[in-house]
Amino acid sequence: YESAVIYYDTKDYAKAREEFQKAYDISKDPEFLVNLSAVAAKQKQYPAAIKYLEEYINECPNAPDTFSARQRVDDLKIAL
């Protein structure tokens, strides 16, 4: 996670996405799906960004940020 954040902060989005994906694969923590969506959006890979957020919403339908995740999906669909 920490290396992914460093890559993200330095705008190396390809490496950040790779590291977030590894962290998700290991932990299966759905919060990483939000990170993966953010990175994909920075890469202008909107279909992937939408997919990650939709997975997050499906895995965590009662999370406090589900409403904002749904709004973000709508925004990404407009960007697409």
Protein backbone atom coordinates (compact mmCIF):
# COMPACT_ATOMS: atom_id res chain seq x y z
CA TYR A 1 0.00 0.00 0.00
CA GLU A 2 2.69 2.47 1.01
CA SER A 3 4.66 2.04 -2.20
CA ALA A 4 1.45 2.41 -4.20
CA VAL A 5 0.71 5.73 -2.50
CA ILE A 6 4.24 6.96 -3.21
CA TYR A 7 3.87 6.06 -6.88
CA TYR A 8 0.46 7.74 -6.98
CA ASP A 9 1.79 10.91 -5.34
CA THR A 10 4.64 11.06 -7.86
CA LYS A 11 2.16 10.52 -10.72
CA ASP A 12 3.60 7.14 -11.72
CA TYR A 13 0.10 5.78 -12.17
CA ALA A 14 1.09 2.55 -13.91
CA LYS A 15 3.27 1.51 -10.97
CA ALA A 16 0.69 2.74 -8.47
CA ARG A 17 -2.01 0.66 -10.11
CA GLU A 18 0.23 -2.39 -10.14
CA GLU A 19 1.02 -2.00 -6.44
CA PHE A 20 -2.62 -1.37 -5.46
CA GLN A 21 -3.60 -4.46 -7.45
CA LYS A 22 -1.00 -6.54 -5.60
CA ALA A 23 -2.27 -5.23 -2.28
CA TYR A 24 -5.85 -6.06 -3.23
CA ASP A 25 -4.90 -9.54 -4.47
CA ILE A 26 -3.18 -10.28 -1.17
CA SER A 27 -5.68 -8.71 1.23
CA LYS A 28 -8.97 -8.77 -0.71
CA ASP A 29 -9.73 -5.52 1.15
CA PRO A 30 -12.43 -3.78 -0.93
CA GLU A 31 -11.02 -0.36 -0.01
CA PHE A 32 -8.26 -1.05 -2.53
CA LEU A 33 -10.90 -1.08 -5.26
CA VAL A 34 -11.49 2.61 -4.58
CA ASN A 35 -7.75 3.24 -4.97
CA LEU A 36 -7.64 1.20 -8.15
CA SER A 37 -10.55 3.19 -9.54
CA ALA A 38 -8.82 6.49 -8.76
CA VAL A 39 -5.64 5.38 -10.50
CA ALA A 40 -7.51 4.06 -13.54
CA ALA A 41 -9.36 7.38 -13.79
CA LYS A 42 -6.04 9.25 -13.69
CA GLN A 43 -4.93 7.03 -16.56
CA LYS A 44 -8.18 7.95 -18.38
CA GLN A 45 -9.14 4.27 -18.37
CA TYR A 46 -12.71 5.04 -17.44
CA PRO A 47 -14.26 1.61 -18.07
CA ALA A 48 -11.79 0.06 -15.61
CA ALA A 49 -12.37 2.86 -13.10
CA ILE A 50 -16.12 2.24 -13.29
CA LYS A 51 -15.65 -1.52 -12.94
CA TYR A 52 -13.56 -1.13 -9.78
CA LEU A 53 -16.10 1.17 -8.15
CA GLU A 54 -19.00 -1.07 -9.10
CA GLU A 55 -17.17 -4.01 -7.53
CA TYR A 56 -16.63 -1.92 -4.40
CA ILE A 57 -20.31 -0.99 -4.22
CA ASN A 58 -21.30 -4.64 -4.65
CA GLU A 59 -18.88 -5.80 -1.95
CA CYS A 60 -19.70 -2.98 0.49
CA PRO A 61 -23.30 -1.90 -0.13
CA ASN A 62 -23.63 -0.47 3.39
CA ALA A 63 -20.33 1.40 3.50
CA PRO A 64 -20.63 5.06 4.49
CA ASP A 65 -19.10 6.19 1.19
CA THR A 66 -21.33 4.10 -1.08
CA PHE A 67 -23.40 7.13 -2.09
CA SER A 68 -20.29 9.06 -3.14
CA ALA A 69 -18.98 5.98 -4.96
CA ARG A 70 -22.22 5.82 -6.94
CA GLN A 71 -21.92 9.51 -7.77
CA ARG A 72 -18.35 8.92 -8.92
CA VAL A 73 -19.53 6.10 -11.19
CA ASP A 74 -22.03 8.52 -12.76
CA ASP A 75 -19.26 11.11 -13.24
CA LEU A 76 -16.98 8.54 -14.83
CA LYS A 77 -19.74 7.44 -17.20
CA ILE A 78 -20.12 11.07 -18.28
CA ALA A 79 -16.35 11.31 -18.81
CA LEU A 80 -16.47 8.13 -20.84
